[in-house]
Amino acid sequence: MPVPSSCPCGQGASYAACCQPLHLGKTTASTAEQLMRSRYTAFVMRDAAYLRRTWSVTTRPAALDFHFPDREWTGLEILDTTGGSPFHSEGTVEFRAHYTTNGRPGAQHENSTFTREAGEWVYVAAL
């Protein structure tokens, strides 16, 4: 997949200045929301290695399969957050991720839980 110039996470920055350093392991997310945004971008780019690396060891699947090969992620809305700041150890991020599949629009609405493992934010599960 080609590297996008504008970051898909919706922060308005370039990919190189936004999620790419996280994906390359040069930095880690400072908040649960930042991790959520970087994981959304990883889904856009089909970066299974990053998704697995940022998934809690307690809930991480053995393998990650992108079940919908025709799905194109088209936008992310953050609806709410609780906790998840640099000073918290847990947090939630409610979001809506928009997509098209074979030209038909859709959206995935989720409230995700995050925690810190070894000091770094990781995705745990959807509520």
Protein backbone atom coordinates (compact mmCIF):
# COMPACT_ATOMS: atom_id res chain seq x y z
CA MET A 1 0.00 0.00 0.00
CA PRO A 2 1.36 3.45 -0.90
CA VAL A 3 2.28 5.78 1.94
CA PRO A 4 -0.35 8.53 2.24
CA SER A 5 0.74 12.17 2.43
CA SER A 6 -2.07 13.18 4.80
CA CYS A 7 -2.52 10.94 7.83
CA PRO A 8 -5.72 8.86 7.67
CA CYS A 9 -6.30 9.29 11.42
CA GLY A 10 -7.89 12.70 10.85
CA GLN A 11 -5.54 14.87 12.90
CA GLY A 12 -4.70 17.04 9.90
CA ALA A 13 -0.97 16.32 9.93
CA SER A 14 1.13 14.48 7.39
CA TYR A 15 1.46 10.73 7.87
CA ALA A 16 5.24 11.20 8.34
CA ALA A 17 4.65 13.61 11.25
CA CYS A 18 1.69 11.78 12.78
CA CYS A 19 1.22 7.99 12.83
CA GLN A 20 4.27 6.83 10.87
CA PRO A 21 6.73 7.25 13.80
CA LEU A 22 4.41 5.06 15.91
CA HIS A 23 4.11 2.46 13.15
CA LEU A 24 7.89 2.35 12.74
CA GLY A 25 8.43 1.94 16.50
CA LYS A 26 10.31 5.25 16.78
CA THR A 27 7.87 6.48 19.43
CA THR A 28 4.89 5.21 21.41
CA ALA A 29 1.42 6.65 21.93
CA SER A 30 1.14 9.06 24.85
CA THR A 31 -2.65 8.67 25.15
CA ALA A 32 -5.25 6.01 24.48
CA GLU A 33 -6.78 8.23 21.79
CA GLN A 34 -3.45 8.61 20.01
CA LEU A 35 -3.10 4.83 20.04
CA MET A 36 -6.66 4.44 18.71
CA ARG A 37 -5.93 6.85 15.86
CA SER A 38 -2.68 5.08 15.01
CA ARG A 39 -4.44 1.70 15.04
CA TYR A 40 -7.14 3.03 12.71
CA THR A 41 -4.40 4.20 10.35
CA ALA A 42 -2.79 0.74 10.63
CA PHE A 43 -6.11 -0.80 9.55
CA VAL A 44 -6.22 1.61 6.59
CA MET A 45 -2.71 0.53 5.63
CA ARG A 46 -3.24 -3.15 6.58
CA ASP A 47 -0.28 -3.07 8.96
CA ALA A 48 -0.94 -6.29 10.89
CA ALA A 49 2.43 -6.19 12.66
CA TYR A 50 1.65 -2.84 14.29
CA LEU A 51 -1.87 -3.91 15.23
CA ARG A 52 -0.55 -7.06 16.93
CA ARG A 53 2.26 -5.14 18.65
CA THR A 54 -0.27 -2.67 20.15
CA TRP A 55 -2.77 -5.34 21.22
CA SER A 56 -2.82 -6.50 24.86
CA VAL A 57 -1.09 -9.83 25.44
CA THR A 58 -4.24 -10.89 27.32
CA THR A 59 -6.54 -10.54 24.28
CA ARG A 60 -4.23 -10.55 21.23
CA PRO A 61 -5.32 -13.03 18.55
CA ALA A 62 -2.81 -15.60 17.31
CA ALA A 63 -3.13 -14.17 13.80
CA LEU A 64 -4.75 -11.14 12.27
CA ASP A 65 -6.73 -11.50 9.08
CA PHE A 66 -8.28 -8.57 7.24
CA HIS A 67 -11.65 -10.25 6.66
CA PHE A 68 -12.94 -7.70 4.19
CA PRO A 69 -10.42 -7.31 1.37
CA ASP A 70 -12.73 -4.94 -0.53
CA ARG A 71 -13.22 -2.62 2.49
CA GLU A 72 -11.75 0.85 2.16
CA TRP A 73 -11.60 2.90 5.37
CA THR A 74 -12.70 6.46 4.63
CA GLY A 75 -12.70 8.38 7.91
CA LEU A 76 -12.52 8.30 11.68
CA GLU A 77 -14.66 10.15 14.22
CA ILE A 78 -13.70 10.16 17.89
CA LEU A 79 -16.99 10.41 19.78
CA ASP A 80 -15.84 10.27 23.41
CA THR A 81 -12.91 9.37 25.64
CA THR A 82 -12.62 8.50 29.32
CA GLY A 83 -9.28 8.36 31.09
CA GLY A 84 -6.49 7.43 28.74
CA SER A 85 -4.32 10.50 29.36
CA PRO A 86 -0.57 10.38 29.97
CA PHE A 87 -1.45 10.22 33.69
CA HIS A 88 -3.92 7.31 33.50
CA SER A 89 -3.36 3.57 33.34
CA GLU A 90 -6.70 2.76 31.66
CA GLY A 91 -9.02 4.47 29.24
CA THR A 92 -11.78 4.09 26.69
CA VAL A 93 -12.22 5.61 23.26
CA GLU A 94 -15.61 5.60 21.56
CA PHE A 95 -15.32 6.02 17.82
CA ARG A 96 -17.02 5.58 14.49
CA ALA A 97 -14.88 4.38 11.59
CA HIS A 98 -16.40 4.95 8.17
CA TYR A 99 -15.77 2.70 5.19
CA THR A 100 -17.01 1.60 1.81
CA THR A 101 -17.26 -2.01 0.71
CA ASN A 102 -17.85 -2.56 -3.00
CA GLY A 103 -19.00 1.04 -3.24
CA ARG A 104 -21.52 0.75 -0.38
CA PRO A 105 -20.93 3.04 2.62
CA GLY A 106 -20.91 1.74 6.17
CA ALA A 107 -19.58 2.48 9.63
CA GLN A 108 -18.16 0.56 12.56
CA HIS A 109 -19.14 2.02 15.94
CA GLU A 110 -17.11 0.81 18.91
CA ASN A 111 -16.15 1.72 22.44
CA SER A 112 -12.64 0.34 22.89
CA THR A 113 -10.79 -0.24 26.14
CA PHE A 114 -7.09 0.45 26.54
CA THR A 115 -4.58 -0.18 29.29
CA ARG A 116 -0.85 0.16 29.83
CA GLU A 117 1.44 -2.83 29.61
CA ALA A 118 5.12 -2.28 30.39
CA GLY A 119 4.30 1.44 30.43
CA GLU A 120 2.85 1.56 26.88
CA TRP A 121 -0.75 1.96 25.78
CA VAL A 122 -2.31 -1.18 24.25
CA TYR A 123 -5.76 -2.05 22.92
CA VAL A 124 -7.65 -4.56 25.12
CA ALA A 125 -11.12 -5.10 23.66
CA ALA A 126 -14.34 -3.54 22.41
CA LEU A 127 -17.10 -2.97 24.94
